[in-house]
Amino acid sequence: MATVTLMWEARAAEGRGAELLEWARAQVLPGPAAPLRRETFRAPRDRVLVMTWWETAEGLGAELPELPDPDAGLITRPVHRWRFESVTCT
């Protein structure tokens, strides 16, 4: 089994940072399983970051539920998404 972390990041349109944060917090991930962990962060310039951790046998190629894109008027640019797989340090 592997732990895969999905990272979702968006930058709010001018003056809409609080609204984007609340939108992200309200999103329910589709599917029957919940992530092992989910954290939501805010950053300067009205950026919002959501990270979810999943246990999966398929590693980085696993089909996992992701947050959707918010309405275009809520953000200044396309959402950024990254996937990471935990590795053991020796």
C-alpha atoms as a PDB file:
ATOM      1  CA  MET A   1       0.000   0.000   0.000  1.00  0.00           C
ATOM      2  CA  ALA A   2       1.079   3.558  -0.650  1.00  0.00           C
ATOM      3  CA  THR A   3       0.010   6.886   0.765  1.00  0.00           C
ATOM      4  CA  VAL A   4      -0.772   9.367  -1.989  1.00  0.00           C
ATOM      5  CA  THR A   5      -1.299  13.058  -1.259  1.00  0.00           C
ATOM      6  CA  LEU A   6      -3.395  15.172  -3.596  1.00  0.00           C
ATOM      7  CA  MET A   7      -2.723  18.893  -3.525  1.00  0.00           C
ATOM      8  CA  TRP A   8      -5.234  21.407  -4.922  1.00  0.00           C
ATOM      9  CA  GLU A   9      -4.415  25.134  -5.069  1.00  0.00           C
ATOM     10  CA  ALA A  10      -6.347  28.121  -6.386  1.00  0.00           C
ATOM     11  CA  ARG A  11      -6.021  31.897  -6.254  1.00  0.00           C
ATOM     12  CA  ALA A  12      -9.178  33.888  -5.632  1.00  0.00           C
ATOM     13  CA  ALA A  13     -10.387  36.746  -7.760  1.00  0.00           C
ATOM     14  CA  GLU A  14      -9.812  40.202  -6.248  1.00  0.00           C
ATOM     15  CA  GLY A  15     -11.647  40.546  -2.936  1.00  0.00           C
ATOM     16  CA  ARG A  16     -13.042  36.985  -2.994  1.00  0.00           C
ATOM     17  CA  GLY A  17     -10.468  35.162  -0.835  1.00  0.00           C
ATOM     18  CA  ALA A  18     -12.851  34.447   2.046  1.00  0.00           C
ATOM     19  CA  GLU A  19     -15.480  33.195  -0.395  1.00  0.00           C
ATOM     20  CA  LEU A  20     -13.011  30.824  -2.094  1.00  0.00           C
ATOM     21  CA  LEU A  21     -11.881  29.512   1.291  1.00  0.00           C
ATOM     22  CA  GLU A  22     -15.460  28.791   2.341  1.00  0.00           C
ATOM     23  CA  TRP A  23     -16.208  27.210  -1.053  1.00  0.00           C
ATOM     24  CA  ALA A  24     -13.223  24.855  -0.698  1.00  0.00           C
ATOM     25  CA  ARG A  25     -14.136  23.926   2.873  1.00  0.00           C
ATOM     26  CA  ALA A  26     -17.703  23.069   1.837  1.00  0.00           C
ATOM     27  CA  GLN A  27     -16.710  20.685  -0.971  1.00  0.00           C
ATOM     28  CA  VAL A  28     -17.545  17.032  -0.378  1.00  0.00           C
ATOM     29  CA  LEU A  29     -15.322  14.615  -2.270  1.00  0.00           C
ATOM     30  CA  PRO A  30     -17.291  12.179  -4.437  1.00  0.00           C
ATOM     31  CA  GLY A  31     -17.154   8.453  -3.817  1.00  0.00           C
ATOM     32  CA  PRO A  32     -17.710   5.988  -1.011  1.00  0.00           C
ATOM     33  CA  ALA A  33     -14.379   6.457   0.795  1.00  0.00           C
ATOM     34  CA  ALA A  34     -13.111   9.433   2.738  1.00  0.00           C
ATOM     35  CA  PRO A  35      -9.442  10.448   2.722  1.00  0.00           C
ATOM     36  CA  LEU A  36      -7.218   9.440   5.620  1.00  0.00           C
ATOM     37  CA  ARG A  37      -6.744  13.132   6.280  1.00  0.00           C
ATOM     38  CA  ARG A  38      -7.774  16.471   4.766  1.00  0.00           C
ATOM     39  CA  GLU A  39      -6.343  19.908   5.513  1.00  0.00           C
ATOM     40  CA  THR A  40      -7.228  23.327   4.145  1.00  0.00           C
ATOM     41  CA  PHE A  41      -4.793  26.257   4.167  1.00  0.00           C
ATOM     42  CA  ARG A  42      -4.840  29.899   3.148  1.00  0.00           C
ATOM     43  CA  ALA A  43      -1.856  31.872   1.906  1.00  0.00           C
ATOM     44  CA  PRO A  44      -0.993  35.438   0.886  1.00  0.00           C
ATOM     45  CA  ARG A  45      -2.624  36.869  -2.230  1.00  0.00           C
ATOM     46  CA  ASP A  46      -5.906  35.055  -1.486  1.00  0.00           C
ATOM     47  CA  ARG A  47      -4.615  31.575  -2.310  1.00  0.00           C
ATOM     48  CA  VAL A  48      -6.325  28.462  -0.938  1.00  0.00           C
ATOM     49  CA  LEU A  49      -4.664  25.048  -0.668  1.00  0.00           C
ATOM     50  CA  VAL A  50      -6.381  21.734   0.072  1.00  0.00           C
ATOM     51  CA  MET A  51      -4.407  18.558   0.700  1.00  0.00           C
ATOM     52  CA  THR A  52      -5.901  15.084   1.033  1.00  0.00           C
ATOM     53  CA  TRP A  53      -4.112  11.860   1.967  1.00  0.00           C
ATOM     54  CA  TRP A  54      -5.226   8.483   0.587  1.00  0.00           C
ATOM     55  CA  GLU A  55      -4.137   4.888   1.196  1.00  0.00           C
ATOM     56  CA  THR A  56      -4.057   2.990  -2.113  1.00  0.00           C
ATOM     57  CA  ALA A  57      -2.472  -0.060  -3.693  1.00  0.00           C
ATOM     58  CA  GLU A  58      -2.181   1.683  -7.081  1.00  0.00           C
ATOM     59  CA  GLY A  59       0.204   4.473  -6.014  1.00  0.00           C
ATOM     60  CA  LEU A  60       0.317   7.704  -8.025  1.00  0.00           C
ATOM     61  CA  GLY A  61      -1.809   6.248 -10.810  1.00  0.00           C
ATOM     62  CA  ALA A  62      -4.771   5.532  -8.525  1.00  0.00           C
ATOM     63  CA  GLU A  63      -8.164   6.954  -9.409  1.00  0.00           C
ATOM     64  CA  LEU A  64      -8.935   9.200  -6.454  1.00  0.00           C
ATOM     65  CA  PRO A  65     -11.637  11.827  -5.947  1.00  0.00           C
ATOM     66  CA  GLU A  66     -10.423  15.389  -6.395  1.00  0.00           C
ATOM     67  CA  LEU A  67     -11.904  18.775  -5.664  1.00  0.00           C
ATOM     68  CA  PRO A  68     -13.612  20.296  -8.692  1.00  0.00           C
ATOM     69  CA  ASP A  69     -12.811  23.654 -10.220  1.00  0.00           C
ATOM     70  CA  PRO A  70     -14.771  26.535  -8.698  1.00  0.00           C
ATOM     71  CA  ASP A  71     -16.778  28.878 -10.901  1.00  0.00           C
ATOM     72  CA  ALA A  72     -14.452  30.838 -13.178  1.00  0.00           C
ATOM     73  CA  GLY A  73     -15.484  34.146 -11.610  1.00  0.00           C
ATOM     74  CA  LEU A  74     -14.206  33.030  -8.205  1.00  0.00           C
ATOM     75  CA  ILE A  75     -10.598  32.451  -9.337  1.00  0.00           C
ATOM     76  CA  THR A  76      -7.918  34.388 -11.232  1.00  0.00           C
ATOM     77  CA  ARG A  77      -6.286  31.447 -13.013  1.00  0.00           C
ATOM     78  CA  PRO A  78      -6.802  27.708 -13.523  1.00  0.00           C
ATOM     79  CA  VAL A  79      -6.579  25.486 -10.448  1.00  0.00           C
ATOM     80  CA  HIS A  80      -3.216  23.799  -9.880  1.00  0.00           C
ATOM     81  CA  ARG A  81      -3.136  20.111  -8.918  1.00  0.00           C
ATOM     82  CA  TRP A  82      -0.249  17.881  -7.919  1.00  0.00           C
ATOM     83  CA  ARG A  83       0.112  14.286  -6.697  1.00  0.00           C
ATOM     84  CA  PHE A  84       2.763  13.073  -4.290  1.00  0.00           C
ATOM     85  CA  GLU A  85       3.596   9.625  -2.965  1.00  0.00           C
ATOM     86  CA  SER A  86       5.130   9.182   0.486  1.00  0.00           C
ATOM     87  CA  VAL A  87       8.602   7.655   0.547  1.00  0.00           C
ATOM     88  CA  THR A  88      10.525   6.133   3.422  1.00  0.00           C
ATOM     89  CA  CYS A  89      13.676   7.923   4.524  1.00  0.00           C
ATOM     90  CA  THR A  90      16.654   5.739   5.325  1.00  0.00           C
END
